[in-house]
C-alpha atoms as a PDB file:
ATOM      1  CA  UNK A   1     -18.440 -27.281 -99.537  1.00  0.00           C
ATOM      2  CA  UNK A   2     -18.586 -31.101 -99.725  1.00  0.00           C
ATOM      3  CA  UNK A   3     -19.002 -31.393 -95.943  1.00  0.00           C
ATOM      4  CA  UNK A   4     -22.508 -29.985 -95.844  1.00  0.00           C
ATOM      5  CA  UNK A   5     -23.803 -31.888 -98.956  1.00  0.00           C
ATOM      6  CA  UNK A   6     -23.935 -35.271 -97.140  1.00  0.00           C
ATOM      7  CA  UNK A   7     -26.002 -34.023 -94.145  1.00  0.00           C
ATOM      8  CA  UNK A   8     -28.347 -32.193 -96.516  1.00  0.00           C
ATOM      9  CA  UNK A   9     -28.835 -35.409 -98.569  1.00  0.00           C
ATOM     10  CA  UNK A  10     -29.584 -37.370 -95.384  1.00  0.00           C
ATOM     11  CA  UNK A  11     -32.142 -34.740 -94.328  1.00  0.00           C
ATOM     12  CA  UNK A  12     -33.886 -34.986 -97.714  1.00  0.00           C
ATOM     13  CA  UNK A  13     -33.870 -38.787 -97.525  1.00  0.00           C
ATOM     14  CA  UNK A  14     -35.363 -38.821 -94.009  1.00  0.00           C
ATOM     15  CA  UNK A  15     -38.118 -36.417 -95.105  1.00  0.00           C
ATOM     16  CA  UNK A  16     -38.958 -38.749 -97.965  1.00  0.00           C
ATOM     17  CA  UNK A  17     -39.153 -41.757 -95.600  1.00  0.00           C
ATOM     18  CA  UNK A  18     -41.471 -39.852 -93.256  1.00  0.00           C
ATOM     19  CA  UNK A  19     -43.746 -38.901 -96.155  1.00  0.00           C
ATOM     20  CA  UNK A  20     -44.069 -42.593 -97.163  1.00  0.00           C
ATOM     21  CA  UNK A  21     -45.582 -43.466 -93.772  1.00  0.00           C
ATOM     22  CA  UNK A  22     -48.468 -40.962 -93.655  1.00  0.00           C
ATOM     23  CA  UNK A  23     -52.048 -42.196 -93.510  1.00  0.00           C
ATOM     24  CA  UNK A  24     -55.465 -40.555 -93.693  1.00  0.00           C
ATOM     25  CA  UNK A  25     -59.103 -41.640 -93.880  1.00  0.00           C
ATOM     26  CA  UNK A  26     -61.332 -41.445 -96.939  1.00  0.00           C
ATOM     27  CA  UNK A  27     -65.130 -41.505 -96.951  1.00  0.00           C
ATOM     28  CA  UNK A  28     -66.643 -44.721 -98.336  1.00  0.00           C
ATOM     29  CA  UNK A  29     -69.300 -43.879-100.927  1.00  0.00           C
ATOM     30  CA  UNK A  30     -70.412 -47.348-102.099  1.00  0.00           C
ATOM     31  CA  UNK A  31     -69.732 -50.988-101.178  1.00  0.00           C
ATOM     32  CA  UNK A  32     -70.865 -53.943-103.323  1.00  0.00           C
ATOM     33  CA  UNK A  33     -70.235 -57.562-102.321  1.00  0.00           C
ATOM     34  CA  UNK A  34     -68.417 -59.750-104.853  1.00  0.00           C
ATOM     35  CA  UNK A  35     -69.667 -63.334-105.123  1.00  0.00           C
ATOM     36  CA  UNK A  36     -68.075 -66.263-106.920  1.00  0.00           C
ATOM     37  CA  UNK A  37     -69.961 -69.428-107.880  1.00  0.00           C
ATOM     38  CA  UNK A  38     -68.051 -72.553-106.855  1.00  0.00           C
ATOM     39  CA  UNK A  39     -68.763 -76.189-107.765  1.00  0.00           C
ATOM     40  CA  UNK A  40     -68.520 -78.381-104.653  1.00  0.00           C
ATOM     41  CA  UNK A  41     -68.412 -82.208-104.876  1.00  0.00           C
ATOM     42  CA  UNK A  42     -68.897 -84.658-102.046  1.00  0.00           C
ATOM     43  CA  UNK A  43     -66.782 -87.807-101.839  1.00  0.00           C
ATOM     44  CA  UNK A  44     -67.799 -90.884-103.893  1.00  0.00           C
ATOM     45  CA  UNK A  45     -69.734 -93.415-101.814  1.00  0.00           C
ATOM     46  CA  UNK A  46     -69.482 -97.225-101.869  1.00  0.00           C
ATOM     47  CA  UNK A  47     -72.948 -98.779-101.476  1.00  0.00           C
ATOM     48  CA  UNK A  48     -73.641-102.516-101.013  1.00  0.00           C
ATOM     49  CA  UNK A  49     -77.034-104.205-101.088  1.00  0.00           C
ATOM     50  CA  UNK A  50     -78.456-107.729-101.311  1.00  0.00           C
ATOM     51  CA  UNK A  51     -80.502-108.721-104.318  1.00  0.00           C
ATOM     52  CA  UNK A  52     -82.363-111.907-105.234  1.00  0.00           C
ATOM     53  CA  UNK A  53     -81.926-113.838-108.435  1.00  0.00           C
ATOM     54  CA  UNK A  54     -85.020-114.731-110.449  1.00  0.00           C
ATOM     55  CA  UNK A  55     -86.123-118.345-110.691  1.00  0.00           C
ATOM     56  CA  UNK A  56     -85.388-119.773-114.080  1.00  0.00           C
ATOM     57  CA  UNK A  57     -87.143-122.987-115.267  1.00  0.00           C
ATOM     58  CA  UNK A  58     -84.383-123.867-117.747  1.00  0.00           C
ATOM     59  CA  UNK A  59     -82.141-125.725-115.236  1.00  0.00           C
ATOM     60  CA  UNK A  60     -85.123-127.837-114.103  1.00  0.00           C
ATOM     61  CA  UNK A  61     -86.053-128.838-117.672  1.00  0.00           C
ATOM     62  CA  UNK A  62     -82.441-129.527-118.701  1.00  0.00           C
ATOM     63  CA  UNK A  63     -81.855-131.564-115.508  1.00  0.00           C
ATOM     64  CA  UNK A  64     -84.976-133.660-116.188  1.00  0.00           C
ATOM     65  CA  UNK A  65     -83.932-134.383-119.778  1.00  0.00           C
ATOM     66  CA  UNK A  66     -80.377-135.344-118.817  1.00  0.00           C
ATOM     67  CA  UNK A  67     -81.580-137.390-115.822  1.00  0.00           C
ATOM     68  CA  UNK A  68     -84.163-139.189-117.975  1.00  0.00           C
ATOM     69  CA  UNK A  69     -81.551-139.997-120.616  1.00  0.00           C
ATOM     70  CA  UNK A  70     -79.092-141.316-118.012  1.00  0.00           C
ATOM     71  CA  UNK A  71     -81.822-143.358-116.283  1.00  0.00           C
ATOM     72  CA  UNK A  72     -82.932-144.834-119.595  1.00  0.00           C
ATOM     73  CA  UNK A  73     -79.360-145.729-120.526  1.00  0.00           C
ATOM     74  CA  UNK A  74     -78.714-147.456-117.174  1.00  0.00           C
ATOM     75  CA  UNK A  75     -81.823-149.664-117.288  1.00  0.00           C
ATOM     76  CA  UNK A  76     -81.289-153.283-118.480  1.00  0.00           C
ATOM     77  CA  UNK A  77     -84.754-154.358-119.482  1.00  0.00           C
ATOM     78  CA  UNK A  78     -87.461-152.297-121.098  1.00  0.00           C
ATOM     79  CA  UNK A  79     -89.412-151.955-117.842  1.00  0.00           C
ATOM     80  CA  UNK A  80     -86.187-150.979-115.999  1.00  0.00           C
ATOM     81  CA  UNK A  81     -85.463-148.446-118.737  1.00  0.00           C
ATOM     82  CA  UNK A  82     -88.886-146.814-118.223  1.00  0.00           C
ATOM     83  CA  UNK A  83     -88.520-146.778-114.436  1.00  0.00           C
ATOM     84  CA  UNK A  84     -84.896-145.536-114.731  1.00  0.00           C
ATOM     85  CA  UNK A  85     -85.973-142.862-117.162  1.00  0.00           C
ATOM     86  CA  UNK A  86     -88.758-141.604-114.865  1.00  0.00           C
ATOM     87  CA  UNK A  87     -86.547-141.781-111.763  1.00  0.00           C
ATOM     88  CA  UNK A  88     -83.637-140.100-113.577  1.00  0.00           C
ATOM     89  CA  UNK A  89     -85.907-137.369-114.927  1.00  0.00           C
ATOM     90  CA  UNK A  90     -87.333-136.730-111.453  1.00  0.00           C
ATOM     91  CA  UNK A  91     -83.879-136.696-109.848  1.00  0.00           C
ATOM     92  CA  UNK A  92     -82.340-134.584-112.635  1.00  0.00           C
ATOM     93  CA  UNK A  93     -85.273-132.143-112.489  1.00  0.00           C
ATOM     94  CA  UNK A  94     -84.898-131.797-108.706  1.00  0.00           C
ATOM     95  CA  UNK A  95     -81.180-131.152-109.013  1.00  0.00           C
ATOM     96  CA  UNK A  96     -81.739-128.647-111.836  1.00  0.00           C
ATOM     97  CA  UNK A  97     -84.433-126.932-109.792  1.00  0.00           C
ATOM     98  CA  UNK A  98     -82.051-126.527-106.819  1.00  0.00           C
ATOM     99  CA  UNK A  99     -79.375-125.094-109.089  1.00  0.00           C
ATOM    100  CA  UNK A 100     -81.750-122.594-110.701  1.00  0.00           C
ATOM    101  CA  UNK A 101     -83.886-121.585-107.729  1.00  0.00           C
ATOM    102  CA  UNK A 102     -83.848-118.167-106.157  1.00  0.00           C
ATOM    103  CA  UNK A 103     -80.684-117.121-104.427  1.00  0.00           C
ATOM    104  CA  UNK A 104     -79.329-113.977-102.947  1.00  0.00           C
ATOM    105  CA  UNK A 105     -76.159-112.164-103.790  1.00  0.00           C
ATOM    106  CA  UNK A 106     -74.472-109.021-102.554  1.00  0.00           C
ATOM    107  CA  UNK A 107     -73.881-106.275-105.078  1.00  0.00           C
ATOM    108  CA  UNK A 108     -71.508-103.362-104.373  1.00  0.00           C
ATOM    109  CA  UNK A 109     -71.112-100.258-106.465  1.00  0.00           C
ATOM    110  CA  UNK A 110     -69.410 -96.896-106.135  1.00  0.00           C
ATOM    111  CA  UNK A 111     -71.728 -93.974-106.640  1.00  0.00           C
ATOM    112  CA  UNK A 112     -70.264 -90.600-107.599  1.00  0.00           C
ATOM    113  CA  UNK A 113     -70.461 -87.798-105.062  1.00  0.00           C
ATOM    114  CA  UNK A 114     -73.132 -85.155-105.359  1.00  0.00           C
ATOM    115  CA  UNK A 115     -72.217 -81.911-107.043  1.00  0.00           C
ATOM    116  CA  UNK A 116     -73.752 -78.606-106.121  1.00  0.00           C
ATOM    117  CA  UNK A 117     -73.038 -74.971-106.840  1.00  0.00           C
ATOM    118  CA  UNK A 118     -72.634 -72.491-104.017  1.00  0.00           C
ATOM    119  CA  UNK A 119     -72.146 -68.731-104.037  1.00  0.00           C
ATOM    120  CA  UNK A 120     -69.208 -67.656-101.910  1.00  0.00           C
ATOM    121  CA  UNK A 121     -68.463 -64.087-100.818  1.00  0.00           C
ATOM    122  CA  UNK A 122     -64.927 -63.342-102.045  1.00  0.00           C
ATOM    123  CA  UNK A 123     -64.570 -59.599-101.371  1.00  0.00           C
ATOM    124  CA  UNK A 124     -66.033 -56.131-101.694  1.00  0.00           C
ATOM    125  CA  UNK A 125     -66.007 -53.623-104.535  1.00  0.00           C
ATOM    126  CA  UNK A 126     -65.414 -50.259-102.811  1.00  0.00           C
ATOM    127  CA  UNK A 127     -65.771 -46.708-104.129  1.00  0.00           C
ATOM    128  CA  UNK A 128     -64.322 -44.045-101.807  1.00  0.00           C
ATOM    129  CA  UNK A 129     -63.703 -40.308-101.868  1.00  0.00           C
ATOM    130  CA  UNK A 130     -60.526 -38.555-100.755  1.00  0.00           C
ATOM    131  CA  UNK A 131     -60.122 -34.763-101.043  1.00  0.00           C
ATOM    132  CA  UNK A 132     -62.940 -34.497-103.579  1.00  0.00           C
ATOM    133  CA  UNK A 133     -61.704 -37.267-105.922  1.00  0.00           C
ATOM    134  CA  UNK A 134     -63.335 -40.691-106.291  1.00  0.00           C
ATOM    135  CA  UNK A 135     -61.236 -43.853-106.174  1.00  0.00           C
ATOM    136  CA  UNK A 136     -61.972 -47.530-106.549  1.00  0.00           C
ATOM    137  CA  UNK A 137     -60.519 -50.662-104.894  1.00  0.00           C
ATOM    138  CA  UNK A 138     -61.365 -54.244-103.929  1.00  0.00           C
ATOM    139  CA  UNK A 139     -61.072 -55.332-100.294  1.00  0.00           C
ATOM    140  CA  UNK A 140     -61.394 -58.695 -98.534  1.00  0.00           C
ATOM    141  CA  UNK A 141     -63.388 -57.221 -95.631  1.00  0.00           C
ATOM    142  CA  UNK A 142     -66.218 -54.697 -95.496  1.00  0.00           C
ATOM    143  CA  UNK A 143     -64.528 -51.300 -94.910  1.00  0.00           C
ATOM    144  CA  UNK A 144     -67.324 -49.644 -92.950  1.00  0.00           C
ATOM    145  CA  UNK A 145     -67.989 -45.889 -93.347  1.00  0.00           C
ATOM    146  CA  UNK A 146     -64.361 -44.891 -93.844  1.00  0.00           C
ATOM    147  CA  UNK A 147     -61.274 -46.423 -95.387  1.00  0.00           C
ATOM    148  CA  UNK A 148     -57.691 -45.929 -94.227  1.00  0.00           C
ATOM    149  CA  UNK A 149     -55.559 -44.704 -97.157  1.00  0.00           C
ATOM    150  CA  UNK A 150     -51.799 -44.282 -97.474  1.00  0.00           C
ATOM    151  CA  UNK A 151     -50.569 -40.838 -98.526  1.00  0.00           C
ATOM    152  CA  UNK A 152     -47.578 -41.080-100.829  1.00  0.00           C
ATOM    153  CA  UNK A 153     -45.929 -37.844-101.901  1.00  0.00           C
ATOM    154  CA  UNK A 154     -42.771 -37.972-103.975  1.00  0.00           C
ATOM    155  CA  UNK A 155     -40.990 -35.436-106.189  1.00  0.00           C
ATOM    156  CA  UNK A 156     -41.683 -35.490-109.893  1.00  0.00           C
ATOM    157  CA  UNK A 157     -38.471 -35.419-111.910  1.00  0.00           C
ATOM    158  CA  UNK A 158     -38.496 -34.134-115.445  1.00  0.00           C
END
């Protein structure tokens, strides 16, 4: 009696394996695209430009005052002190003017990348009908007019 139980079990097992590999086609009733909004950022950008400095009269005035004071202090007689003061003021003013006059400098800064939102298609919401019943799934690709479905039949044990 035990000799025929093993072949019968193998036959039942092979029938179950065959049932797990059956496929059919279901009719697609509705397909809706699924979109996702994504935030996309470009790379930060380093930007350099040349800018001019404004002319400032302060160095000219300060240079003239200091030059005049030095010229006055270096003069020996009163007439030399006046000439030294005028010459020192003129020289100090010229030096101060050169220090404070317009110049150019290079400025570099890193600007953040641009951000934008894009809508990306991520899949399809599919409603299909098989043997009179409606089913629902999500697919990565558009299924077309029909959808391949796997038929899975297994015994119900109580």
